[in-house]
Amino acid sequence: MITKPEQAVNIFKEGSNCSQAVISVYAEEFGLSQEMALKIAQGFGGGMGRMAQTCGAVTGAYMVLGLKYGSADIHEKEAKERVYGLVRDFTRRFENRNSSIVCQELLGCDICKPEGVMAAKAKGLFTSVCPKMVREAVEILDEMINE
């Protein structure tokens, strides 16, 4: 049986962005269609709209934490605080593994510029670093959800 981290990496390798890959393996489990999950997460790839900011695997994980632990009741402050705490915990765990959650720092180049994208492709970063970030984001989510 294929694990969620492996599924997410495969989805990434098929052409999704990092954020889509992470949320898509949890979508149906939390009542979201695969199609809707892919649409929601589309703008978060490449460090949010290829601005090389927060890693898309991280933002995808934040969305999963909201799906799992969040509330649709905007007045339920306890759920909001719980999700905020889980986001901070996820961030700490991800940074412990990778030293940053910032796409530009993880890749070592600025992909918001065409020459940065070309450099990242030439160095194979989208096929080496990004799948690792996707895998680790899902591993951390699995740890947190199963604790």
Protein backbone atom coordinates (compact mmCIF):
# COMPACT_ATOMS: atom_id res chain seq x y z
CA MET A 1 0.00 0.00 0.00
CA ILE A 2 1.33 3.40 -0.97
CA THR A 3 1.78 5.85 1.89
CA LYS A 4 0.42 9.41 1.91
CA PRO A 5 3.91 10.92 1.63
CA GLU A 6 4.57 8.72 -1.42
CA GLN A 7 1.16 9.61 -2.90
CA ALA A 8 1.87 13.32 -2.46
CA VAL A 9 5.28 13.05 -4.12
CA ASN A 10 3.73 11.14 -7.02
CA ILE A 11 1.03 13.80 -7.45
CA PHE A 12 3.74 16.47 -7.43
CA LYS A 13 5.77 14.57 -10.03
CA GLU A 14 2.66 14.28 -12.22
CA GLY A 15 2.54 18.07 -12.48
CA SER A 16 0.76 19.52 -9.48
CA ASN A 17 2.43 22.18 -7.41
CA CYS A 18 3.72 21.45 -3.91
CA SER A 19 0.69 22.88 -2.12
CA GLN A 20 -1.72 20.92 -4.31
CA ALA A 21 0.23 17.71 -3.74
CA VAL A 22 -0.03 18.03 0.04
CA ILE A 23 -3.70 18.95 0.36
CA SER A 24 -4.85 16.54 -2.32
CA VAL A 25 -3.89 13.42 -0.36
CA TYR A 26 -6.12 14.54 2.53
CA ALA A 27 -8.94 16.25 0.66
CA GLU A 28 -11.56 13.52 0.51
CA GLU A 29 -10.81 12.43 4.08
CA PHE A 30 -11.98 15.87 5.21
CA GLY A 31 -14.95 16.28 2.86
CA LEU A 32 -13.28 18.16 0.03
CA SER A 33 -13.30 16.85 -3.52
CA GLN A 34 -9.98 16.29 -5.22
CA GLU A 35 -10.95 18.85 -7.88
CA MET A 36 -11.78 21.51 -5.30
CA ALA A 37 -8.60 20.87 -3.32
CA LEU A 38 -6.49 21.29 -6.45
CA LYS A 39 -8.27 24.54 -7.30
CA ILE A 40 -7.97 25.98 -3.78
CA ALA A 41 -4.25 25.22 -3.51
CA GLN A 42 -3.26 26.23 -7.04
CA GLY A 43 -2.16 29.76 -6.15
CA PHE A 44 0.06 28.64 -3.29
CA GLY A 45 2.74 26.84 -5.31
CA GLY A 46 6.21 28.26 -5.75
CA GLY A 47 6.12 29.94 -2.40
CA MET A 48 2.67 31.51 -2.96
CA GLY A 49 2.17 32.45 -6.58
CA ARG A 50 5.84 31.77 -7.40
CA MET A 51 6.88 34.66 -5.16
CA ALA A 52 9.36 32.35 -3.37
CA GLN A 53 7.82 33.11 0.03
CA THR A 54 6.26 30.43 2.28
CA CYS A 55 6.86 26.99 0.75
CA GLY A 56 3.75 25.59 -0.93
CA ALA A 57 4.14 22.26 0.87
CA VAL A 58 3.89 24.23 4.11
CA THR A 59 0.84 26.24 3.05
CA GLY A 60 -0.81 23.03 1.85
CA ALA A 61 -0.18 21.55 5.30
CA TYR A 62 -1.70 24.61 6.96
CA MET A 63 -4.85 24.08 4.89
CA VAL A 64 -4.99 20.43 5.97
CA LEU A 65 -4.72 21.46 9.63
CA GLY A 66 -7.63 23.82 9.10
CA LEU A 67 -9.68 21.08 7.45
CA LYS A 68 -8.96 18.67 10.29
CA TYR A 69 -9.16 20.92 13.33
CA GLY A 70 -10.83 24.14 12.19
CA SER A 71 -14.40 25.28 12.64
CA ALA A 72 -16.79 26.94 10.21
CA ASP A 73 -18.22 28.87 13.17
CA ILE A 74 -16.36 32.19 13.01
CA HIS A 75 -17.23 32.84 16.65
CA GLU A 76 -15.59 29.65 17.92
CA LYS A 77 -12.38 31.21 19.16
CA GLU A 78 -11.07 28.02 20.78
CA ALA A 79 -10.92 26.22 17.41
CA LYS A 80 -9.17 29.20 15.85
CA GLU A 81 -6.57 29.28 18.61
CA ARG A 82 -6.08 25.52 18.38
CA VAL A 83 -5.43 25.72 14.63
CA TYR A 84 -3.05 28.66 15.12
CA GLY A 85 -1.13 26.60 17.69
CA LEU A 86 -1.00 23.59 15.37
CA VAL A 87 0.27 25.79 12.53
CA ARG A 88 3.05 27.04 14.80
CA ASP A 89 3.84 23.46 15.85
CA PHE A 90 3.93 22.29 12.24
CA THR A 91 6.20 25.22 11.34
CA ARG A 92 8.59 24.39 14.17
CA ARG A 93 8.77 20.74 13.11
CA PHE A 94 9.31 21.64 9.46
CA GLU A 95 12.00 24.17 10.33
CA ASN A 96 13.71 21.60 12.55
CA ARG A 97 14.05 19.37 9.50
CA ASN A 98 14.81 22.04 6.91
CA SER A 99 15.93 25.22 8.76
CA SER A 100 13.32 27.36 6.97
CA ILE A 101 9.79 27.45 5.56
CA VAL A 102 10.73 30.04 2.91
CA CYS A 103 10.83 28.71 -0.64
CA GLN A 104 13.73 30.92 -1.71
CA GLU A 105 15.83 29.75 1.24
CA LEU A 106 14.93 26.09 0.73
CA LEU A 107 15.78 26.21 -2.97
CA GLY A 108 18.72 28.56 -2.66
CA CYS A 109 17.49 30.68 -5.56
CA ASP A 110 14.79 33.25 -6.24
CA ILE A 111 12.16 31.65 -8.46
CA CYS A 112 10.08 34.81 -8.69
CA LYS A 113 12.49 35.91 -11.42
CA PRO A 114 12.74 34.09 -14.77
CA GLU A 115 16.48 33.60 -14.34
CA GLY A 116 15.83 32.04 -10.92
CA VAL A 117 13.39 29.56 -12.41
CA MET A 118 15.93 28.69 -15.11
CA ALA A 119 18.65 28.23 -12.47
CA ALA A 120 16.39 26.03 -10.34
CA LYS A 121 15.54 23.88 -13.38
CA ALA A 122 19.20 23.65 -14.41
CA LYS A 123 20.19 22.52 -10.91
CA GLY A 124 17.30 20.01 -10.77
CA LEU A 125 15.85 21.66 -7.65
CA PHE A 126 12.23 21.08 -8.67
CA THR A 127 12.95 17.36 -8.92
CA SER A 128 15.14 17.05 -5.83
CA VAL A 129 14.30 19.70 -3.22
CA CYS A 130 10.58 20.14 -3.86
CA PRO A 131 9.61 16.46 -3.63
CA LYS A 132 11.55 16.28 -0.36
CA MET A 133 9.57 19.24 1.03
CA VAL A 134 6.28 17.63 -0.07
CA ARG A 135 7.22 14.31 1.51
CA GLU A 136 8.32 15.90 4.78
CA ALA A 137 5.24 18.11 5.03
CA VAL A 138 2.99 15.05 4.73
CA GLU A 139 5.14 13.03 7.14
CA ILE A 140 4.82 15.79 9.73
CA LEU A 141 1.05 16.08 9.14
CA ASP A 142 0.67 12.34 9.59
CA GLU A 143 2.62 12.53 12.86
CA MET A 144 0.48 15.39 14.12
CA ILE A 145 -2.85 13.88 13.09
CA ASN A 146 -1.97 10.52 14.65
CA GLU A 147 -0.68 11.91 17.98
